[in-house]
Amino acid sequence: MGQVIEMLSRDIQLNEKELTPPGFFEDSEDSSRSKLKMSECNTSQQSSVHITITQVTPR
């Protein structure tokens, strides 16, 4: 328990440019595939886009 308190007590610097909204993470590789699928959707064809949602909840 002491180790947890020590870790949580440390001052840290966050890179605010790297922060994402909670509950959603999109891999850059998946993003490029999604954009490709979306551009294909602009034609008369229908296609599905795979979306991955990762949610982390505290214990």
C-alpha atoms as a PDB file:
ATOM      1  CA  MET A   1       0.000   0.000   0.000  1.00  0.00           C
ATOM      2  CA  GLY A   2       2.872   2.353   0.776  1.00  0.00           C
ATOM      3  CA  GLN A   3       4.211   1.881  -2.745  1.00  0.00           C
ATOM      4  CA  VAL A   4       0.836   2.926  -4.212  1.00  0.00           C
ATOM      5  CA  ILE A   5       0.723   6.066  -2.071  1.00  0.00           C
ATOM      6  CA  GLU A   6       4.282   6.906  -3.134  1.00  0.00           C
ATOM      7  CA  MET A   7       3.426   6.476  -6.821  1.00  0.00           C
ATOM      8  CA  LEU A   8       0.259   8.573  -6.546  1.00  0.00           C
ATOM      9  CA  SER A   9       2.098  11.317  -4.645  1.00  0.00           C
ATOM     10  CA  ARG A  10       4.659  11.985  -7.392  1.00  0.00           C
ATOM     11  CA  ASP A  11       4.425  15.140  -9.494  1.00  0.00           C
ATOM     12  CA  ILE A  12       4.016  14.261 -13.160  1.00  0.00           C
ATOM     13  CA  GLN A  13       3.946  16.200 -16.423  1.00  0.00           C
ATOM     14  CA  LEU A  14       1.205  15.276 -18.901  1.00  0.00           C
ATOM     15  CA  ASN A  15       1.568  15.807 -22.621  1.00  0.00           C
ATOM     16  CA  GLU A  16      -1.841  17.394 -23.213  1.00  0.00           C
ATOM     17  CA  LYS A  17      -1.555  16.881 -26.977  1.00  0.00           C
ATOM     18  CA  GLU A  18      -1.569  13.101 -26.420  1.00  0.00           C
ATOM     19  CA  LEU A  19      -4.687  13.038 -24.209  1.00  0.00           C
ATOM     20  CA  THR A  20      -7.859  11.410 -25.567  1.00  0.00           C
ATOM     21  CA  PRO A  21     -11.432  11.503 -24.260  1.00  0.00           C
ATOM     22  CA  PRO A  22     -12.182   8.754 -21.702  1.00  0.00           C
ATOM     23  CA  GLY A  23     -13.704   5.536 -23.007  1.00  0.00           C
ATOM     24  CA  PHE A  24     -12.501   5.833 -26.603  1.00  0.00           C
ATOM     25  CA  PHE A  25      -9.216   4.913 -28.250  1.00  0.00           C
ATOM     26  CA  GLU A  26      -8.634   4.707 -31.980  1.00  0.00           C
ATOM     27  CA  ASP A  27      -5.484   3.095 -33.335  1.00  0.00           C
ATOM     28  CA  SER A  28      -3.893   5.122 -36.139  1.00  0.00           C
ATOM     29  CA  GLU A  29      -3.824   2.003 -38.360  1.00  0.00           C
ATOM     30  CA  ASP A  30      -7.547   1.428 -37.741  1.00  0.00           C
ATOM     31  CA  SER A  31      -8.171   5.115 -38.414  1.00  0.00           C
ATOM     32  CA  SER A  32      -6.629   4.941 -41.875  1.00  0.00           C
ATOM     33  CA  ARG A  33      -8.667   1.806 -42.637  1.00  0.00           C
ATOM     34  CA  SER A  34     -11.817   3.564 -41.433  1.00  0.00           C
ATOM     35  CA  LYS A  35     -11.130   6.552 -43.676  1.00  0.00           C
ATOM     36  CA  LEU A  36     -10.633   4.204 -46.621  1.00  0.00           C
ATOM     37  CA  LYS A  37     -13.929   2.453 -45.861  1.00  0.00           C
ATOM     38  CA  MET A  38     -15.697   5.803 -45.497  1.00  0.00           C
ATOM     39  CA  SER A  39     -14.419   6.950 -48.884  1.00  0.00           C
ATOM     40  CA  GLU A  40     -15.647   3.682 -50.401  1.00  0.00           C
ATOM     41  CA  CYS A  41     -19.038   4.388 -48.804  1.00  0.00           C
ATOM     42  CA  ASN A  42     -19.396   7.556 -50.837  1.00  0.00           C
ATOM     43  CA  THR A  43     -20.113   5.379 -53.861  1.00  0.00           C
ATOM     44  CA  SER A  44     -23.371   3.450 -54.143  1.00  0.00           C
ATOM     45  CA  GLN A  45     -21.879   0.524 -52.169  1.00  0.00           C
ATOM     46  CA  GLN A  46     -22.414  -0.091 -48.486  1.00  0.00           C
ATOM     47  CA  SER A  47     -19.586  -1.238 -46.244  1.00  0.00           C
ATOM     48  CA  SER A  48     -19.102  -1.775 -42.542  1.00  0.00           C
ATOM     49  CA  VAL A  49     -16.467  -0.086 -40.423  1.00  0.00           C
ATOM     50  CA  HIS A  50     -14.907  -1.903 -37.466  1.00  0.00           C
ATOM     51  CA  ILE A  51     -14.744   0.359 -34.405  1.00  0.00           C
ATOM     52  CA  THR A  52     -12.916  -0.651 -31.248  1.00  0.00           C
ATOM     53  CA  ILE A  53     -13.915   0.976 -27.966  1.00  0.00           C
ATOM     54  CA  THR A  54     -11.717   0.467 -24.928  1.00  0.00           C
ATOM     55  CA  GLN A  55     -12.992   1.563 -21.546  1.00  0.00           C
ATOM     56  CA  VAL A  56     -10.855   1.491 -18.423  1.00  0.00           C
ATOM     57  CA  THR A  57     -12.604   1.638 -15.081  1.00  0.00           C
ATOM     58  CA  PRO A  58     -10.938   2.028 -11.673  1.00  0.00           C
ATOM     59  CA  ARG A  59     -10.890  -0.878  -9.269  1.00  0.00           C
END
